[in-house]
Amino acid sequence: MDYHLSHFGTQMSQLTGVRAIMKDIIETLRQAGEREFINLSAGNPVIIPEVEQLWRDCTAELMASSEYGEVVCRYGSSQGYEPFIEAIVNDFNHRYGLNLTDRNILITPGSQALYFYAANAFGGYTADGNLKEIVLPLSPEYTGYGGVSLFKEALVAYQPTLDIDEDPHRFKYRPDFNQLAINEQTGCVILSRPCNPTGNVISEEELNKISELAAPYNVPVILDAAYAPPYPALNFTEMTPQFGGNLLHCLSLSKAGLPGERIGVAIGDPELIQVLESFQTNLCIHSPRYGQAIAARAIASGQLGHIAENVIRPYYQQKFTVLEETLDANMPQEIPWFLHRGEGAIFSWLWLKDLPISDWDLYQELKKEDVIVVPGSSFFPGLRQEWQHKQQCIRISLTATNEEIATAMRRLASVVEKVYQGSAVGVG
């Protein structure tokens, strides 16, 4: 049947960003036959035994308690499950010296839903027809931001500056404050820290400057902390979560082992929280309560924070070490390759300057060697100007085994060397 979709329906039914790539990856794996691919595309966290056991134990406690019926057999508050909110408030006040109350908290069905609420509550067209922009201060960024707005034209990303260390083949993205525009046309600002896909952690000074630029216009800064401390604590460099003012701190428990339960948490000004809660009430009444109930136990007991710091973070940090050491040992030194500094998240990001082919073509060449990565050009939502850099990067997941990562990086080095052979390349 040929259904007639609205403008909104047409937009939301399309595959955007990396999701279109994942369709090709799924087909590749489905048709693999006896070929054994090393899949370095996954965004799913690894099922770590200690983490799984924590959630099993918390589930057993819930099922054995009188609370179980109240959790699963009744509707609840649109704001979230009260014991979970209380656990968040107490833990964050204790850890960071805050003065949060329940009025500062909103629980959402995953943080992706939260960005959708915020992007459309503050970005898009106003009642008098003016367009309020959704600003991404530096690009590349989380590909999911490409689908958060009902109006594609509202999303505006900015090209960053690059700090390049040529000798160790490392680099880092930084906001370009000479170009970044936050003004009366801005509806909200969104950024991830640590960043998916690059692992970049912008500094506190940079974050504060972005917040200060937005404050005179009463523009909220939506801080995606899905990989940040205290859980899942997937930061490999020192960083302190930031709160207060126009910052909306958004965390997720997906990389802490609960991606299937879709738990997002917003921490911010009560007036901002109230707007987003109303948005949620109209959309889905409230977030599922089962995951919140077991998470409340894990947080209140201190177990989740402990496991995040002592199990989850070291697990992925070791994998990044394997990846960078293998690249250092195998990548041709004369080729201008640059690995983004590993500051967090569950991915690494490789830039191949002057790459003679596109990132998509490199993806296809690597598939021939049974290695699957994600072409980097999917991670520049909202960036309107042409930038060759967009076609020179790949995202590499840290979710495979150490042996698989090492093998894949050796194959990648071999493919890259062949691709560059006969090409005139340079760093300058």
Protein backbone atom coordinates (compact mmCIF):
# COMPACT_ATOMS: atom_id res chain seq x y z
CA MET A 1 0.00 0.00 0.00
CA ASP A 2 1.27 3.47 -0.86
CA TYR A 3 0.88 5.44 2.36
CA HIS A 4 0.84 9.23 2.17
CA LEU A 5 3.24 10.56 4.78
CA SER A 6 3.29 14.03 6.25
CA HIS A 7 6.43 16.18 6.03
CA PHE A 8 7.31 15.02 9.54
CA GLY A 9 6.51 11.39 8.69
CA THR A 10 8.75 11.47 5.62
CA GLN A 11 11.65 12.88 7.62
CA MET A 12 11.35 10.51 10.57
CA SER A 13 10.94 7.40 8.40
CA GLN A 14 14.29 7.91 6.67
CA LEU A 15 17.54 6.24 7.73
CA THR A 16 20.00 8.94 8.73
CA GLY A 17 23.70 9.03 9.46
CA VAL A 18 25.38 5.84 10.56
CA ARG A 19 22.06 3.94 10.57
CA ALA A 20 22.17 3.82 6.77
CA ILE A 21 25.71 2.40 6.97
CA MET A 22 24.60 -0.16 9.54
CA LYS A 23 22.07 -1.50 7.05
CA ASP A 24 24.94 -2.33 4.68
CA ILE A 25 26.96 -3.84 7.54
CA ILE A 26 24.07 -6.07 8.59
CA GLU A 27 23.68 -7.31 5.01
CA THR A 28 27.44 -7.95 4.78
CA LEU A 29 27.43 -10.04 7.96
CA ARG A 30 24.26 -11.87 6.93
CA GLN A 31 25.84 -12.93 3.64
CA ALA A 32 29.25 -13.72 5.12
CA GLY A 33 28.93 -17.49 4.79
CA GLU A 34 32.15 -19.03 6.12
CA ARG A 35 34.00 -15.71 6.18
CA GLU A 36 34.81 -14.50 9.69
CA PHE A 37 34.59 -10.73 9.85
CA ILE A 38 36.14 -8.69 12.63
CA ASN A 39 33.30 -6.28 13.32
CA LEU A 40 34.61 -2.97 14.63
CA SER A 41 31.41 -1.07 13.88
CA ALA A 42 29.39 -1.93 16.96
CA GLY A 43 28.05 0.70 19.34
CA ASN A 44 26.61 -1.95 21.65
CA PRO A 45 28.58 -2.25 24.90
CA VAL A 46 30.27 -5.55 25.65
CA ILE A 47 28.47 -7.76 28.18
CA ILE A 48 31.12 -7.69 30.92
CA PRO A 49 30.50 -10.51 33.46
CA GLU A 50 30.85 -8.32 36.56
CA VAL A 51 28.46 -5.74 35.12
CA GLU A 52 25.89 -8.34 34.11
CA GLN A 53 26.08 -9.89 37.58
CA LEU A 54 25.39 -6.52 39.20
CA TRP A 55 22.16 -6.17 37.23
CA ARG A 56 21.20 -9.79 37.92
CA ASP A 57 21.66 -9.21 41.65
CA CYS A 58 19.66 -5.97 41.61
CA THR A 59 16.90 -7.69 39.64
CA ALA A 60 16.75 -10.52 42.16
CA GLU A 61 16.46 -8.01 45.00
CA LEU A 62 13.64 -6.20 43.23
CA MET A 63 11.71 -9.38 42.45
CA ALA A 64 11.99 -10.54 46.05
CA SER A 65 10.72 -7.23 47.43
CA SER A 66 7.20 -5.91 47.97
CA GLU A 67 8.20 -3.02 45.72
CA TYR A 68 8.00 -5.19 42.59
CA GLY A 69 4.26 -4.85 42.07
CA GLU A 70 4.35 -1.08 42.51
CA VAL A 71 7.12 -0.83 39.91
CA VAL A 72 5.67 -2.92 37.09
CA CYS A 73 1.92 -2.98 37.77
CA ARG A 74 1.21 0.74 38.17
CA TYR A 75 1.69 3.97 36.28
CA GLY A 76 4.08 6.43 37.84
CA SER A 77 5.14 10.06 37.84
CA SER A 78 6.11 11.65 34.52
CA GLN A 79 9.26 12.90 36.20
CA GLY A 80 10.55 9.42 37.00
CA TYR A 81 10.60 6.70 39.64
CA GLU A 82 11.00 8.42 43.00
CA PRO A 83 13.60 6.09 44.60
CA PHE A 84 15.76 6.38 41.47
CA ILE A 85 15.55 10.17 41.51
CA GLU A 86 16.44 10.13 45.21
CA ALA A 87 19.46 7.89 44.54
CA ILE A 88 20.70 10.24 41.79
CA VAL A 89 20.22 13.33 43.97
CA ASN A 90 22.02 11.85 46.97
CA ASP A 91 24.90 10.41 44.93
CA PHE A 92 25.59 13.55 42.90
CA ASN A 93 25.29 15.84 45.93
CA HIS A 94 27.79 13.66 47.78
CA ARG A 95 30.23 13.28 44.88
CA TYR A 96 30.25 16.82 43.55
CA GLY A 97 29.16 19.01 46.46
CA LEU A 98 25.90 19.99 44.79
CA ASN A 99 22.57 21.03 46.30
CA LEU A 100 20.25 19.14 43.99
CA THR A 101 16.66 18.34 44.86
CA ASP A 102 14.17 16.18 43.02
CA ARG A 103 13.09 19.29 41.10
CA ASN A 104 16.44 19.23 39.27
CA ILE A 105 15.91 15.73 37.84
CA LEU A 106 14.01 14.21 34.93
CA ILE A 107 14.18 10.55 33.88
CA THR A 108 13.67 9.84 30.18
CA PRO A 109 13.43 6.67 28.05
CA GLY A 110 17.07 6.92 27.00
CA SER A 111 19.13 10.06 26.50
CA GLN A 112 18.36 10.08 22.75
CA ALA A 113 14.75 10.88 23.65
CA LEU A 114 15.98 13.68 25.88
CA TYR A 115 17.87 15.34 23.01
CA PHE A 116 14.76 15.05 20.85
CA TYR A 117 12.70 16.78 23.54
CA ALA A 118 15.24 19.57 24.01
CA ALA A 119 15.98 20.11 20.32
CA ASN A 120 12.30 20.58 19.52
CA ALA A 121 11.37 22.45 22.68
CA PHE A 122 14.03 25.11 22.00
CA GLY A 123 15.02 24.72 18.34
CA GLY A 124 12.95 25.16 15.20
CA TYR A 125 10.40 27.80 14.30
CA THR A 126 8.93 30.14 16.89
CA ALA A 127 5.30 31.30 16.93
CA ASP A 128 6.29 34.40 14.91
CA GLY A 129 8.10 32.35 12.27
CA ASN A 130 11.71 32.91 13.31
CA LEU A 131 14.08 29.94 13.08
CA LYS A 132 15.91 29.05 16.29
CA GLU A 133 19.09 27.10 15.54
CA ILE A 134 20.33 23.96 17.24
CA VAL A 135 24.06 24.55 17.46
CA LEU A 136 26.71 21.82 17.55
CA PRO A 137 29.86 23.74 18.60
CA LEU A 138 32.31 21.36 16.95
CA SER A 139 32.12 18.61 14.38
CA PRO A 140 32.37 15.58 14.09
CA GLU A 141 29.69 14.74 16.63
CA TYR A 142 27.23 12.04 17.57
CA THR A 143 25.42 11.02 14.39
CA GLY A 144 22.11 10.75 16.28
CA TYR A 145 21.92 14.54 16.53
CA GLY A 146 21.19 14.52 12.80
CA GLY A 147 17.69 13.22 13.49
CA VAL A 148 16.68 15.12 16.63
CA SER A 149 15.01 18.12 15.02
CA LEU A 150 11.72 18.30 13.16
CA PHE A 151 13.39 20.92 10.97
CA LYS A 152 16.67 19.90 9.33
CA GLU A 153 17.51 23.50 8.54
CA ALA A 154 17.67 24.26 12.27
CA LEU A 155 20.76 22.09 12.83
CA VAL A 156 24.04 24.01 12.46
CA ALA A 157 27.48 22.54 13.21
CA TYR A 158 30.86 24.26 13.22
CA GLN A 159 34.19 23.09 11.86
CA PRO A 160 36.77 22.71 14.65
CA THR A 161 40.44 23.56 14.82
CA LEU A 162 42.89 20.65 14.82
CA ASP A 163 45.80 20.27 17.25
CA ILE A 164 48.21 18.01 15.34
CA ASP A 165 51.21 16.21 16.84
CA GLU A 166 52.98 15.00 13.71
CA ASP A 167 55.70 12.87 15.27
CA PRO A 168 53.49 10.54 17.35
CA HIS A 169 50.71 10.67 14.71
CA ARG A 170 48.12 12.05 17.13
CA PHE A 171 45.63 14.91 16.94
CA LYS A 172 42.72 16.51 18.83
CA TYR A 173 39.68 18.57 17.85
CA ARG A 174 39.01 21.88 19.60
CA PRO A 175 36.14 24.39 19.27
CA ASP A 176 36.96 27.25 16.91
CA PHE A 177 35.74 30.22 18.90
CA ASN A 178 36.63 32.55 16.01
CA GLN A 179 33.86 30.89 13.99
CA LEU A 180 31.35 29.66 16.59
CA ALA A 181 28.21 31.81 16.62
CA ILE A 182 25.80 31.65 19.56
CA ASN A 183 23.36 34.55 19.50
CA GLU A 184 19.69 35.56 19.53
CA GLN A 185 19.05 33.10 16.68
CA THR A 186 20.25 30.17 18.79
CA GLY A 187 17.64 27.92 20.40
CA CYS A 188 19.94 25.47 22.17
CA VAL A 189 23.47 24.07 22.05
CA ILE A 190 24.23 20.33 22.09
CA LEU A 191 27.59 18.60 22.55
CA SER A 192 28.92 15.28 23.86
CA ARG A 193 31.71 15.00 26.46
CA PRO A 194 33.39 12.50 26.01
CA CYS A 195 32.47 12.58 22.35
CA ASN A 196 31.02 9.81 20.25
CA PRO A 197 32.67 9.16 17.74
CA THR A 198 36.08 10.68 18.51
CA GLY A 199 36.59 10.17 22.24
CA ASN A 200 37.31 13.89 22.51
CA VAL A 201 36.88 15.56 25.90
CA ILE A 202 36.64 19.32 25.55
CA SER A 203 38.25 21.13 28.46
CA GLU A 204 36.35 22.72 31.34
CA GLU A 205 37.57 26.10 30.08
CA GLU A 206 36.13 25.42 26.61
CA LEU A 207 32.83 24.19 28.04
CA ASN A 208 32.55 27.19 30.34
CA LYS A 209 33.22 29.52 27.41
CA ILE A 210 30.43 27.90 25.38
CA SER A 211 28.09 28.21 28.38
CA GLU A 212 29.05 31.87 28.84
CA LEU A 213 28.41 32.63 25.16
CA ALA A 214 24.92 31.12 25.47
CA ALA A 215 23.94 32.60 28.84
CA PRO A 216 23.08 36.19 27.73
CA TYR A 217 20.49 34.77 25.32
CA ASN A 218 19.00 32.33 27.88
CA VAL A 219 20.10 29.47 25.64
CA PRO A 220 20.38 26.04 27.30
CA VAL A 221 23.54 24.03 26.70
CA ILE A 222 22.61 20.35 26.45
CA LEU A 223 25.62 18.37 27.67
CA ASP A 224 25.58 14.76 26.49
CA ALA A 225 27.46 12.90 29.24
CA ALA A 226 26.63 9.36 28.08
CA TYR A 227 30.28 8.30 28.57
CA ALA A 228 31.16 10.59 31.46
CA PRO A 229 31.73 9.95 35.16
CA PRO A 230 30.40 8.83 37.57
CA TYR A 231 28.78 6.10 35.46
CA PRO A 232 29.82 4.67 33.08
CA ALA A 233 33.01 6.66 33.81
CA LEU A 234 34.39 6.02 30.33
CA ASN A 235 36.82 8.91 30.52
CA PHE A 236 40.50 8.05 30.04
CA THR A 237 41.63 11.54 31.03
CA GLU A 238 40.81 13.58 34.11
CA MET A 239 37.47 15.36 33.80
CA THR A 240 34.94 16.78 36.22
CA PRO A 241 31.25 16.85 35.28
CA GLN A 242 29.86 20.38 35.08
CA PHE A 243 26.50 21.57 36.40
CA GLY A 244 24.46 24.70 37.03
CA GLY A 245 23.36 27.80 35.19
CA ASN A 246 22.21 27.10 31.65
CA LEU A 247 23.87 23.65 31.54
CA LEU A 248 21.59 20.63 31.25
CA HIS A 249 23.71 17.63 32.25
CA CYS A 250 22.39 14.49 30.55
CA LEU A 251 23.59 11.02 31.48
CA SER A 252 22.73 7.55 30.26
CA LEU A 253 23.05 4.10 31.78
CA SER A 254 23.43 2.37 28.40
CA LYS A 255 27.21 2.04 28.56
CA ALA A 256 26.90 1.10 32.23
CA GLY A 257 25.28 -2.14 31.09
CA LEU A 258 21.61 -1.22 30.64
CA PRO A 259 21.16 -0.23 26.98
CA GLY A 260 18.06 -2.40 26.71
CA GLU A 261 16.30 -0.56 29.53
CA ARG A 262 16.64 2.90 27.93
CA ILE A 263 17.43 5.10 30.92
CA GLY A 264 18.36 8.74 30.48
CA VAL A 265 18.76 11.30 33.25
CA ALA A 266 18.60 15.09 32.89
CA ILE A 267 20.04 17.28 35.66
CA GLY A 268 19.42 21.00 35.45
CA ASP A 269 17.48 24.11 36.35
CA PRO A 270 13.95 23.27 37.61
CA GLU A 271 12.29 25.52 35.01
CA LEU A 272 14.15 23.75 32.23
CA ILE A 273 13.30 20.36 33.72
CA GLN A 274 9.61 21.32 33.89
CA VAL A 275 9.50 22.18 30.17
CA LEU A 276 11.04 18.84 29.23
CA GLU A 277 8.82 16.91 31.66
CA SER A 278 5.72 18.41 30.04
CA PHE A 279 7.08 17.43 26.64
CA GLN A 280 7.56 13.87 27.91
CA THR A 281 4.10 13.68 29.49
CA ASN A 282 2.50 14.50 26.16
CA LEU A 283 4.67 12.00 24.31
CA CYS A 284 4.81 8.87 26.47
CA ILE A 285 3.49 9.62 30.01
CA HIS A 286 6.69 8.42 31.70
CA SER A 287 9.80 6.31 31.28
CA PRO A 288 9.72 2.55 31.99
CA ARG A 289 10.17 1.93 35.72
CA TYR A 290 11.77 -1.51 35.92
CA GLY A 291 15.23 -0.34 34.85
CA GLN A 292 14.97 2.67 37.13
CA ALA A 293 14.17 0.42 40.10
CA ILE A 294 17.21 -1.81 39.68
CA ALA A 295 19.44 1.20 38.89
CA ALA A 296 18.29 2.88 42.11
CA ARG A 297 19.66 -0.10 44.05
CA ALA A 298 22.96 -0.14 42.16
CA ILE A 299 23.54 3.58 42.70
CA ALA A 300 22.38 3.81 46.32
CA SER A 301 24.64 0.91 47.31
CA GLY A 302 27.66 2.49 45.61
CA GLN A 303 28.17 -0.62 43.49
CA LEU A 304 27.56 1.03 40.13
CA GLY A 305 30.08 3.79 40.75
CA HIS A 306 32.64 1.25 41.93
CA ILE A 307 32.18 -1.06 38.94
CA ALA A 308 32.25 1.86 36.50
CA GLU A 309 35.63 3.05 37.77
CA ASN A 310 37.24 -0.33 38.44
CA VAL A 311 35.78 -2.60 35.75
CA ILE A 312 34.13 -0.73 32.86
CA ARG A 313 36.72 2.03 32.39
CA PRO A 314 39.84 -0.21 32.56
CA TYR A 315 38.20 -2.74 30.23
CA TYR A 316 37.82 -0.28 27.36
CA GLN A 317 40.94 1.73 28.14
CA GLN A 318 43.04 -1.41 27.73
CA LYS A 319 41.46 -2.01 24.33
CA PHE A 320 42.36 1.49 23.21
CA THR A 321 45.94 0.83 24.33
CA VAL A 322 46.03 -2.35 22.24
CA LEU A 323 44.70 -0.45 19.24
CA GLU A 324 47.12 2.46 19.40
CA GLU A 325 50.15 0.28 20.12
CA THR A 326 49.31 -1.95 17.15
CA LEU A 327 48.86 1.06 14.87
CA ASP A 328 52.13 2.59 16.08
CA ALA A 329 53.95 -0.65 15.33
CA ASN A 330 52.40 -1.30 11.91
CA MET A 331 51.27 1.92 10.22
CA PRO A 332 53.82 3.31 7.72
CA GLN A 333 55.44 6.32 9.38
CA GLU A 334 55.74 8.28 6.12
CA ILE A 335 51.96 8.29 5.65
CA PRO A 336 50.09 11.20 7.31
CA TRP A 337 47.83 9.17 9.59
CA PHE A 338 46.59 10.63 12.86
CA LEU A 339 44.78 8.90 15.70
CA HIS A 340 42.57 11.11 17.84
CA ARG A 341 43.87 11.23 21.39
CA GLY A 342 42.10 8.56 23.41
CA GLU A 343 40.30 10.57 26.05
CA GLY A 344 37.17 8.44 26.49
CA ALA A 345 34.15 6.55 25.05
CA ILE A 346 34.20 3.10 23.40
CA PHE A 347 35.53 4.15 20.01
CA SER A 348 38.72 5.35 18.39
CA TRP A 349 38.86 7.81 15.51
CA LEU A 350 41.45 7.64 12.75
CA TRP A 351 42.18 10.49 10.33
CA LEU A 352 44.03 9.64 7.12
CA LYS A 353 45.15 12.98 5.70
CA ASP A 354 45.26 13.20 1.90
CA LEU A 355 43.51 9.83 1.67
CA PRO A 356 43.53 9.02 -2.08
CA ILE A 357 40.07 7.40 -1.89
CA SER A 358 36.90 8.24 0.04
CA ASP A 359 36.12 6.93 3.51
CA TRP A 360 33.34 4.81 1.96
CA ASP A 361 35.79 3.27 -0.52
CA LEU A 362 38.23 2.55 2.31
CA TYR A 363 35.38 0.88 4.20
CA GLN A 364 34.79 -1.34 1.15
CA GLU A 365 38.52 -2.18 0.86
CA LEU A 366 38.66 -3.17 4.52
CA LYS A 367 35.62 -5.41 4.07
CA LYS A 368 37.63 -7.35 1.48
CA GLU A 369 40.09 -8.09 4.31
CA ASP A 370 37.23 -9.14 6.62
CA VAL A 371 37.42 -5.98 8.73
CA ILE A 372 34.37 -3.76 9.28
CA VAL A 373 34.66 -0.16 10.48
CA VAL A 374 32.33 2.83 10.07
CA PRO A 375 33.05 5.52 7.45
CA GLY A 376 33.56 8.82 9.24
CA SER A 377 31.52 11.05 6.95
CA SER A 378 28.34 9.95 8.77
CA PHE A 379 29.44 11.88 11.87
CA PHE A 380 29.20 15.45 10.64
CA PRO A 381 25.48 16.29 11.08
CA GLY A 382 24.69 19.94 10.52
CA LEU A 383 28.07 20.84 8.99
CA ARG A 384 27.14 22.69 5.82
CA GLN A 385 30.46 23.75 4.33
CA GLU A 386 32.59 21.43 2.24
CA TRP A 387 35.51 19.97 4.15
CA GLN A 388 37.70 17.26 2.66
CA HIS A 389 38.49 16.02 6.16
CA LYS A 390 34.98 14.55 6.35
CA GLN A 391 35.90 11.88 3.79
CA GLN A 392 39.24 11.03 5.42
CA CYS A 393 38.18 9.50 8.75
CA ILE A 394 36.89 6.20 10.12
CA ARG A 395 35.39 5.21 13.47
CA ILE A 396 36.74 2.03 15.07
CA SER A 397 34.82 0.34 17.88
CA LEU A 398 36.61 -0.96 20.98
CA THR A 399 34.07 -3.74 21.53
CA ALA A 400 35.99 -6.63 19.92
CA THR A 401 38.52 -8.82 21.75
CA ASN A 402 42.08 -7.60 22.17
CA GLU A 403 43.28 -10.20 19.67
CA GLU A 404 40.66 -9.18 17.12
CA ILE A 405 41.53 -5.50 17.51
CA ALA A 406 45.24 -6.19 17.03
CA THR A 407 44.61 -8.38 13.97
CA ALA A 408 42.25 -5.82 12.45
CA MET A 409 44.71 -2.96 12.95
CA ARG A 410 47.46 -4.93 11.22
CA ARG A 411 45.14 -5.55 8.28
CA LEU A 412 44.11 -1.91 8.27
CA ALA A 413 47.76 -0.81 8.16
CA SER A 414 48.38 -3.08 5.18
CA VAL A 415 45.32 -1.79 3.30
CA VAL A 416 46.21 1.85 4.01
CA GLU A 417 49.76 1.33 2.76
CA LYS A 418 48.46 -0.13 -0.51
CA VAL A 419 45.96 2.71 -0.92
CA TYR A 420 48.64 5.37 -0.50
CA GLN A 421 51.21 3.68 -2.74
CA GLY A 422 51.97 5.83 -5.76
CA SER A 423 50.25 8.90 -4.24
CA ALA A 424 52.08 12.09 -3.32
CA VAL A 425 51.23 12.69 0.33
CA GLY A 426 52.45 15.08 2.96
CA VAL A 427 51.59 16.62 6.29
CA GLY A 428 52.01 20.25 5.31
